[in-house]
Amino acid sequence: MRRHPLALSLAHLWVPVLALLLALIAASALHAQSARGWDDSAANLMVVLRESRGANKTSEGLVPSPKVKAWVPDRGNIEIANAWFEVIGDMHVRFVFDTPNFMPNATPEDLQRLGLSPEAALDLALQNIRRVYGEPKATPWTSLMQVQGRSPDLDSSYFLDRTYWNGLLQRHPEGLVVAVVKRGGLLYAPLADARGVELLRRAVGELHATSDSMRISSALYLFMDGRWSVFQAPVDAKTR
């Protein structure tokens, strides 16, 4: 069947129009993703542990951290809300987005935008860390075991990976004593290993104190029956 010349003309015009539409859609998506200068999608959400100086939260659970005060030109001191949560001992979690050079903080509005509760955000962030930086693996470190992935900055985050620690309990049902002295210093010994536990008791304070800006916790933690508790209180901490 012979097609009308006008139909042929319209068909030829449709190809560049379609290409232009696709380019506009792609540019719009790119702009939305880079409006803040980084990927703030759910697939890029991660979590890190940081120190809460002077704290000793004895029960495990995510409790919102106080707002942070900051000086902003023309506005003076303001309070900034980040997606930070006290977790246990002298540690809190910070939800962040991964970038090549730094990890910008997520906000409570980010979690709301992504439709995530703090607990769901933690699960998702750990999945993303395992996908990007690998599963946690333990290797001998003196008389202790050190847990690592493919990024020292995120090794301490594996403390939050309950699936990993539950797997270790299959071999050590009596429990595990764990130190999170710094970002690249996640150490443990089975509770039944008296020598290893004593080494942790004696070394955790000094290891923490000499870790400078990388330090996280001066406490020891016990993982038993699928839960965390404070095994040895942080140095100079106030129980709350």
C-alpha atoms as a PDB file:
ATOM      1  CA  MET A   1       0.000   0.000   0.000  1.00  0.00           C
ATOM      2  CA  ARG A   2       1.365   3.404  -0.969  1.00  0.00           C
ATOM      3  CA  ARG A   3       1.665   5.865   1.969  1.00  0.00           C
ATOM      4  CA  HIS A   4       0.616   9.483   1.604  1.00  0.00           C
ATOM      5  CA  PRO A   5       3.609  11.914   1.265  1.00  0.00           C
ATOM      6  CA  LEU A   6       2.389  13.931   4.268  1.00  0.00           C
ATOM      7  CA  ALA A   7       2.410  10.814   6.439  1.00  0.00           C
ATOM      8  CA  LEU A   8       5.977  10.082   5.356  1.00  0.00           C
ATOM      9  CA  SER A   9       7.016  13.637   6.236  1.00  0.00           C
ATOM     10  CA  LEU A  10       5.470  13.430   9.690  1.00  0.00           C
ATOM     11  CA  ALA A  11       7.153  10.083  10.279  1.00  0.00           C
ATOM     12  CA  HIS A  12      10.550  11.580   9.460  1.00  0.00           C
ATOM     13  CA  LEU A  13       9.864  14.540  11.735  1.00  0.00           C
ATOM     14  CA  TRP A  14       8.864  12.277  14.642  1.00  0.00           C
ATOM     15  CA  VAL A  15      12.337  10.703  14.926  1.00  0.00           C
ATOM     16  CA  PRO A  16      14.231  13.902  15.875  1.00  0.00           C
ATOM     17  CA  VAL A  17      11.311  15.046  18.051  1.00  0.00           C
ATOM     18  CA  LEU A  18      11.439  11.765  19.984  1.00  0.00           C
ATOM     19  CA  ALA A  19      15.209  12.064  20.382  1.00  0.00           C
ATOM     20  CA  LEU A  20      14.800  15.605  21.724  1.00  0.00           C
ATOM     21  CA  LEU A  21      12.159  14.478  24.219  1.00  0.00           C
ATOM     22  CA  LEU A  22      14.373  11.659  25.476  1.00  0.00           C
ATOM     23  CA  ALA A  23      17.303  14.053  25.853  1.00  0.00           C
ATOM     24  CA  LEU A  24      15.157  16.488  27.840  1.00  0.00           C
ATOM     25  CA  ILE A  25      13.942  13.697  30.123  1.00  0.00           C
ATOM     26  CA  ALA A  26      17.509  12.495  30.711  1.00  0.00           C
ATOM     27  CA  ALA A  27      18.723  16.035  31.391  1.00  0.00           C
ATOM     28  CA  SER A  28      15.869  16.589  33.828  1.00  0.00           C
ATOM     29  CA  ALA A  29      16.717  13.374  35.714  1.00  0.00           C
ATOM     30  CA  LEU A  30      20.387  14.334  35.838  1.00  0.00           C
ATOM     31  CA  HIS A  31      19.535  17.784  37.158  1.00  0.00           C
ATOM     32  CA  ALA A  32      17.300  16.305  39.864  1.00  0.00           C
ATOM     33  CA  GLN A  33      20.041  13.921  40.935  1.00  0.00           C
ATOM     34  CA  SER A  34      22.809  16.529  40.996  1.00  0.00           C
ATOM     35  CA  ALA A  35      20.890  19.497  42.424  1.00  0.00           C
ATOM     36  CA  ARG A  36      22.722  19.027  45.749  1.00  0.00           C
ATOM     37  CA  GLY A  37      25.962  17.996  44.098  1.00  0.00           C
ATOM     38  CA  TRP A  38      25.672  14.307  44.982  1.00  0.00           C
ATOM     39  CA  ASP A  39      23.491  11.239  44.538  1.00  0.00           C
ATOM     40  CA  ASP A  40      20.878  11.373  47.297  1.00  0.00           C
ATOM     41  CA  SER A  41      18.922   8.324  46.178  1.00  0.00           C
ATOM     42  CA  ALA A  42      18.054   5.367  48.388  1.00  0.00           C
ATOM     43  CA  ALA A  43      20.671   3.259  46.574  1.00  0.00           C
ATOM     44  CA  ASN A  44      23.420   5.619  47.810  1.00  0.00           C
ATOM     45  CA  LEU A  45      22.349   5.868  51.462  1.00  0.00           C
ATOM     46  CA  MET A  46      24.959   4.577  53.921  1.00  0.00           C
ATOM     47  CA  VAL A  47      25.620   4.724  57.657  1.00  0.00           C
ATOM     48  CA  VAL A  48      28.674   5.479  59.800  1.00  0.00           C
ATOM     49  CA  LEU A  49      29.416   5.308  63.528  1.00  0.00           C
ATOM     50  CA  ARG A  50      30.765   8.317  65.375  1.00  0.00           C
ATOM     51  CA  GLU A  51      31.664   9.156  68.976  1.00  0.00           C
ATOM     52  CA  SER A  52      29.217  10.699  71.452  1.00  0.00           C
ATOM     53  CA  ARG A  53      31.722  12.086  73.952  1.00  0.00           C
ATOM     54  CA  GLY A  54      30.869  11.554  77.598  1.00  0.00           C
ATOM     55  CA  ALA A  55      27.844   9.357  76.862  1.00  0.00           C
ATOM     56  CA  ASN A  56      27.068   5.816  77.969  1.00  0.00           C
ATOM     57  CA  LYS A  57      23.717   4.710  76.587  1.00  0.00           C
ATOM     58  CA  THR A  58      23.219   1.349  78.290  1.00  0.00           C
ATOM     59  CA  SER A  59      20.308   0.062  76.186  1.00  0.00           C
ATOM     60  CA  GLU A  60      20.478  -0.585  72.445  1.00  0.00           C
ATOM     61  CA  GLY A  61      18.152   1.393  70.185  1.00  0.00           C
ATOM     62  CA  LEU A  62      17.993   4.392  67.854  1.00  0.00           C
ATOM     63  CA  VAL A  63      17.240   7.647  69.678  1.00  0.00           C
ATOM     64  CA  PRO A  64      17.454  10.997  67.790  1.00  0.00           C
ATOM     65  CA  SER A  65      20.601  12.958  68.624  1.00  0.00           C
ATOM     66  CA  PRO A  66      20.352  16.599  69.711  1.00  0.00           C
ATOM     67  CA  LYS A  67      20.446  19.197  66.956  1.00  0.00           C
ATOM     68  CA  VAL A  68      23.853  20.588  66.042  1.00  0.00           C
ATOM     69  CA  LYS A  69      24.567  24.300  66.516  1.00  0.00           C
ATOM     70  CA  ALA A  70      26.472  26.039  63.731  1.00  0.00           C
ATOM     71  CA  TRP A  71      27.478  29.585  62.825  1.00  0.00           C
ATOM     72  CA  VAL A  72      26.125  30.774  59.465  1.00  0.00           C
ATOM     73  CA  PRO A  73      27.066  34.190  58.017  1.00  0.00           C
ATOM     74  CA  ASP A  74      24.171  36.682  58.148  1.00  0.00           C
ATOM     75  CA  ARG A  75      22.168  34.258  60.280  1.00  0.00           C
ATOM     76  CA  GLY A  76      24.310  33.768  63.347  1.00  0.00           C
ATOM     77  CA  ASN A  77      24.041  30.579  65.412  1.00  0.00           C
ATOM     78  CA  ILE A  78      21.434  28.181  64.080  1.00  0.00           C
ATOM     79  CA  GLU A  79      20.407  24.620  64.924  1.00  0.00           C
ATOM     80  CA  ILE A  80      20.803  21.979  62.224  1.00  0.00           C
ATOM     81  CA  ALA A  81      18.905  18.702  62.294  1.00  0.00           C
ATOM     82  CA  ASN A  82      20.745  15.736  60.796  1.00  0.00           C
ATOM     83  CA  ALA A  83      19.699  12.108  60.588  1.00  0.00           C
ATOM     84  CA  TRP A  84      21.842  11.159  63.581  1.00  0.00           C
ATOM     85  CA  PHE A  85      20.766   8.674  66.251  1.00  0.00           C
ATOM     86  CA  GLU A  86      22.326   7.608  69.542  1.00  0.00           C
ATOM     87  CA  VAL A  87      22.713   3.828  69.408  1.00  0.00           C
ATOM     88  CA  ILE A  88      24.593   2.432  72.429  1.00  0.00           C
ATOM     89  CA  GLY A  89      27.478   3.314  74.743  1.00  0.00           C
ATOM     90  CA  ASP A  90      29.322   6.404  73.534  1.00  0.00           C
ATOM     91  CA  MET A  91      28.376   5.945  69.872  1.00  0.00           C
ATOM     92  CA  HIS A  92      25.810   7.385  67.497  1.00  0.00           C
ATOM     93  CA  VAL A  93      24.981   6.572  63.890  1.00  0.00           C
ATOM     94  CA  ARG A  94      24.958   9.099  61.088  1.00  0.00           C
ATOM     95  CA  PHE A  95      23.079   8.430  57.877  1.00  0.00           C
ATOM     96  CA  VAL A  96      25.122   9.747  54.952  1.00  0.00           C
ATOM     97  CA  PHE A  97      25.349   9.663  51.179  1.00  0.00           C
ATOM     98  CA  ASP A  98      28.477   8.208  49.590  1.00  0.00           C
ATOM     99  CA  THR A  99      30.587  10.395  47.282  1.00  0.00           C
ATOM    100  CA  PRO A 100      34.193  10.058  46.053  1.00  0.00           C
ATOM    101  CA  ASN A 101      35.530  12.790  48.358  1.00  0.00           C
ATOM    102  CA  PHE A 102      33.224  13.104  51.387  1.00  0.00           C
ATOM    103  CA  MET A 103      30.041  11.777  52.962  1.00  0.00           C
ATOM    104  CA  PRO A 104      27.384  14.481  53.300  1.00  0.00           C
ATOM    105  CA  ASN A 105      24.889  14.001  56.105  1.00  0.00           C
ATOM    106  CA  ALA A 106      21.361  12.899  55.361  1.00  0.00           C
ATOM    107  CA  THR A 107      18.588  14.858  57.066  1.00  0.00           C
ATOM    108  CA  PRO A 108      15.336  13.730  58.688  1.00  0.00           C
ATOM    109  CA  GLU A 109      13.638  15.120  55.567  1.00  0.00           C
ATOM    110  CA  ASP A 110      15.770  12.793  53.415  1.00  0.00           C
ATOM    111  CA  LEU A 111      14.547   9.759  55.343  1.00  0.00           C
ATOM    112  CA  GLN A 112      10.972  11.010  55.037  1.00  0.00           C
ATOM    113  CA  ARG A 113      11.428  11.626  51.289  1.00  0.00           C
ATOM    114  CA  LEU A 114      12.754   8.079  50.861  1.00  0.00           C
ATOM    115  CA  GLY A 115       9.899   6.670  52.957  1.00  0.00           C
ATOM    116  CA  LEU A 116      12.235   5.177  55.560  1.00  0.00           C
ATOM    117  CA  SER A 117      11.966   4.837  59.317  1.00  0.00           C
ATOM    118  CA  PRO A 118      15.339   4.999  61.133  1.00  0.00           C
ATOM    119  CA  GLU A 119      15.315   1.197  61.487  1.00  0.00           C
ATOM    120  CA  ALA A 120      14.482   0.655  57.798  1.00  0.00           C
ATOM    121  CA  ALA A 121      17.123   3.213  56.824  1.00  0.00           C
ATOM    122  CA  LEU A 122      19.695   1.286  58.861  1.00  0.00           C
ATOM    123  CA  ASP A 123      18.828  -1.983  57.120  1.00  0.00           C
ATOM    124  CA  LEU A 124      19.009  -0.345  53.692  1.00  0.00           C
ATOM    125  CA  ALA A 125      22.268   1.479  54.440  1.00  0.00           C
ATOM    126  CA  LEU A 126      23.938  -1.765  55.527  1.00  0.00           C
ATOM    127  CA  GLN A 127      22.727  -3.512  52.378  1.00  0.00           C
ATOM    128  CA  ASN A 128      24.265  -0.708  50.313  1.00  0.00           C
ATOM    129  CA  ILE A 129      27.570  -0.945  52.198  1.00  0.00           C
ATOM    130  CA  ARG A 130      27.776  -4.705  51.648  1.00  0.00           C
ATOM    131  CA  ARG A 131      26.930  -4.264  47.959  1.00  0.00           C
ATOM    132  CA  VAL A 132      29.500  -1.521  47.337  1.00  0.00           C
ATOM    133  CA  TYR A 133      32.255  -2.307  49.862  1.00  0.00           C
ATOM    134  CA  GLY A 134      31.851  -6.030  50.355  1.00  0.00           C
ATOM    135  CA  GLU A 135      30.763  -8.435  53.066  1.00  0.00           C
ATOM    136  CA  PRO A 136      32.535  -8.132  56.434  1.00  0.00           C
ATOM    137  CA  LYS A 137      35.436 -10.535  56.910  1.00  0.00           C
ATOM    138  CA  ALA A 138      37.453 -11.308  60.042  1.00  0.00           C
ATOM    139  CA  THR A 139      41.224 -11.773  60.019  1.00  0.00           C
ATOM    140  CA  PRO A 140      43.640 -12.330  62.948  1.00  0.00           C
ATOM    141  CA  TRP A 141      45.100  -9.192  64.589  1.00  0.00           C
ATOM    142  CA  THR A 142      47.538 -10.113  67.393  1.00  0.00           C
ATOM    143  CA  SER A 143      45.408 -12.292  69.703  1.00  0.00           C
ATOM    144  CA  LEU A 144      42.181 -10.711  68.461  1.00  0.00           C
ATOM    145  CA  MET A 145      40.090 -10.736  65.298  1.00  0.00           C
ATOM    146  CA  GLN A 146      39.656  -7.651  63.116  1.00  0.00           C
ATOM    147  CA  VAL A 147      36.557  -7.127  60.960  1.00  0.00           C
ATOM    148  CA  GLN A 148      37.100  -5.388  57.626  1.00  0.00           C
ATOM    149  CA  GLY A 149      35.524  -4.659  54.267  1.00  0.00           C
ATOM    150  CA  ARG A 150      36.983  -2.840  51.270  1.00  0.00           C
ATOM    151  CA  SER A 151      36.957   0.644  52.849  1.00  0.00           C
ATOM    152  CA  PRO A 152      38.616   1.384  56.224  1.00  0.00           C
ATOM    153  CA  ASP A 153      36.329   4.406  56.645  1.00  0.00           C
ATOM    154  CA  LEU A 154      33.341   2.065  56.777  1.00  0.00           C
ATOM    155  CA  ASP A 155      34.794  -0.928  58.653  1.00  0.00           C
ATOM    156  CA  SER A 156      33.255   0.273  61.909  1.00  0.00           C
ATOM    157  CA  SER A 157      29.803   0.284  60.295  1.00  0.00           C
ATOM    158  CA  TYR A 158      29.865  -3.513  60.301  1.00  0.00           C
ATOM    159  CA  PHE A 159      29.305  -3.284  64.059  1.00  0.00           C
ATOM    160  CA  LEU A 160      25.694  -2.542  63.071  1.00  0.00           C
ATOM    161  CA  ASP A 161      25.403  -5.626  60.842  1.00  0.00           C
ATOM    162  CA  ARG A 162      23.388  -7.896  63.137  1.00  0.00           C
ATOM    163  CA  THR A 163      23.259 -10.650  60.493  1.00  0.00           C
ATOM    164  CA  TYR A 164      27.054 -10.901  60.546  1.00  0.00           C
ATOM    165  CA  TRP A 165      27.300 -11.107  64.349  1.00  0.00           C
ATOM    166  CA  ASN A 166      24.464 -13.616  64.571  1.00  0.00           C
ATOM    167  CA  GLY A 167      26.436 -15.763  62.135  1.00  0.00           C
ATOM    168  CA  LEU A 168      29.479 -15.613  64.427  1.00  0.00           C
ATOM    169  CA  LEU A 169      27.314 -16.657  67.372  1.00  0.00           C
ATOM    170  CA  GLN A 170      26.809 -19.993  65.654  1.00  0.00           C
ATOM    171  CA  ARG A 171      30.483 -20.682  66.445  1.00  0.00           C
ATOM    172  CA  HIS A 172      30.630 -18.732  69.706  1.00  0.00           C
ATOM    173  CA  PRO A 173      27.214 -19.063  71.371  1.00  0.00           C
ATOM    174  CA  GLU A 174      28.624 -17.803  74.681  1.00  0.00           C
ATOM    175  CA  GLY A 175      28.903 -14.309  73.136  1.00  0.00           C
ATOM    176  CA  LEU A 176      31.405 -11.920  71.577  1.00  0.00           C
ATOM    177  CA  VAL A 177      33.251  -8.996  73.151  1.00  0.00           C
ATOM    178  CA  VAL A 178      33.712  -6.187  70.619  1.00  0.00           C
ATOM    179  CA  ALA A 179      35.667  -2.923  70.461  1.00  0.00           C
ATOM    180  CA  VAL A 180      35.039  -0.099  67.958  1.00  0.00           C
ATOM    181  CA  VAL A 181      38.064   2.027  68.779  1.00  0.00           C
ATOM    182  CA  LYS A 182      38.244   3.839  65.438  1.00  0.00           C
ATOM    183  CA  ARG A 183      36.859   3.841  61.901  1.00  0.00           C
ATOM    184  CA  GLY A 184      39.253   1.129  60.725  1.00  0.00           C
ATOM    185  CA  GLY A 185      39.475  -0.638  64.089  1.00  0.00           C
ATOM    186  CA  LEU A 186      36.613  -3.076  64.678  1.00  0.00           C
ATOM    187  CA  LEU A 187      37.998  -5.850  66.908  1.00  0.00           C
ATOM    188  CA  TYR A 188      36.494  -8.797  68.750  1.00  0.00           C
ATOM    189  CA  ALA A 189      37.260 -11.821  70.883  1.00  0.00           C
ATOM    190  CA  PRO A 190      34.925 -14.663  71.892  1.00  0.00           C
ATOM    191  CA  LEU A 191      33.759 -14.250  75.481  1.00  0.00           C
ATOM    192  CA  ALA A 192      35.219 -17.697  76.215  1.00  0.00           C
ATOM    193  CA  ASP A 193      38.676 -16.475  75.151  1.00  0.00           C
ATOM    194  CA  ALA A 194      39.839 -15.077  78.519  1.00  0.00           C
ATOM    195  CA  ARG A 195      43.186 -13.934  77.126  1.00  0.00           C
ATOM    196  CA  GLY A 196      41.606 -12.064  74.215  1.00  0.00           C
ATOM    197  CA  VAL A 197      38.974 -10.430  76.429  1.00  0.00           C
ATOM    198  CA  GLU A 198      41.612  -9.290  78.913  1.00  0.00           C
ATOM    199  CA  LEU A 199      43.682  -7.835  76.065  1.00  0.00           C
ATOM    200  CA  LEU A 200      40.669  -5.868  74.901  1.00  0.00           C
ATOM    201  CA  ARG A 201      40.004  -4.633  78.425  1.00  0.00           C
ATOM    202  CA  ARG A 202      43.549  -3.329  78.788  1.00  0.00           C
ATOM    203  CA  ALA A 203      44.042  -1.983  75.272  1.00  0.00           C
ATOM    204  CA  VAL A 204      40.740  -0.337  74.329  1.00  0.00           C
ATOM    205  CA  GLY A 205      41.371   2.923  76.215  1.00  0.00           C
ATOM    206  CA  GLU A 206      44.827   3.505  74.769  1.00  0.00           C
ATOM    207  CA  LEU A 207      43.829   2.449  71.239  1.00  0.00           C
ATOM    208  CA  HIS A 208      40.917   4.867  71.370  1.00  0.00           C
ATOM    209  CA  ALA A 209      42.947   7.737  72.840  1.00  0.00           C
ATOM    210  CA  THR A 210      45.679   7.443  70.196  1.00  0.00           C
ATOM    211  CA  SER A 211      43.271   7.296  67.226  1.00  0.00           C
ATOM    212  CA  ASP A 212      42.942  11.102  67.081  1.00  0.00           C
ATOM    213  CA  SER A 213      40.167  12.250  64.709  1.00  0.00           C
ATOM    214  CA  MET A 214      39.426   8.675  63.639  1.00  0.00           C
ATOM    215  CA  ARG A 215      38.412   7.500  67.105  1.00  0.00           C
ATOM    216  CA  ILE A 216      34.911   6.248  67.872  1.00  0.00           C
ATOM    217  CA  SER A 217      34.432   4.412  71.180  1.00  0.00           C
ATOM    218  CA  SER A 218      36.403   3.709  74.368  1.00  0.00           C
ATOM    219  CA  ALA A 219      33.854   1.105  75.521  1.00  0.00           C
ATOM    220  CA  LEU A 220      33.607  -2.647  75.036  1.00  0.00           C
ATOM    221  CA  TYR A 221      30.383  -4.239  73.863  1.00  0.00           C
ATOM    222  CA  LEU A 222      28.923  -7.715  74.296  1.00  0.00           C
ATOM    223  CA  PHE A 223      26.890  -9.355  71.546  1.00  0.00           C
ATOM    224  CA  MET A 224      24.803 -12.167  72.997  1.00  0.00           C
ATOM    225  CA  ASP A 225      21.412 -13.634  72.102  1.00  0.00           C
ATOM    226  CA  GLY A 226      21.163 -11.308  69.117  1.00  0.00           C
ATOM    227  CA  ARG A 227      21.487  -8.099  71.165  1.00  0.00           C
ATOM    228  CA  TRP A 228      24.162  -5.585  72.123  1.00  0.00           C
ATOM    229  CA  SER A 229      24.965  -4.452  75.651  1.00  0.00           C
ATOM    230  CA  VAL A 230      27.789  -2.429  77.219  1.00  0.00           C
ATOM    231  CA  PHE A 231      30.417  -4.868  78.508  1.00  0.00           C
ATOM    232  CA  GLN A 232      32.884  -2.255  79.783  1.00  0.00           C
ATOM    233  CA  ALA A 233      31.799   1.378  80.165  1.00  0.00           C
ATOM    234  CA  PRO A 234      33.470   4.141  78.147  1.00  0.00           C
ATOM    235  CA  VAL A 235      36.255   6.081  79.833  1.00  0.00           C
ATOM    236  CA  ASP A 236      34.907   9.001  81.937  1.00  0.00           C
ATOM    237  CA  ALA A 237      31.353   8.376  80.685  1.00  0.00           C
ATOM    238  CA  LYS A 238      28.142   9.312  82.411  1.00  0.00           C
ATOM    239  CA  THR A 239      25.481   6.617  82.345  1.00  0.00           C
ATOM    240  CA  ARG A 240      22.169   7.774  80.906  1.00  0.00           C
END
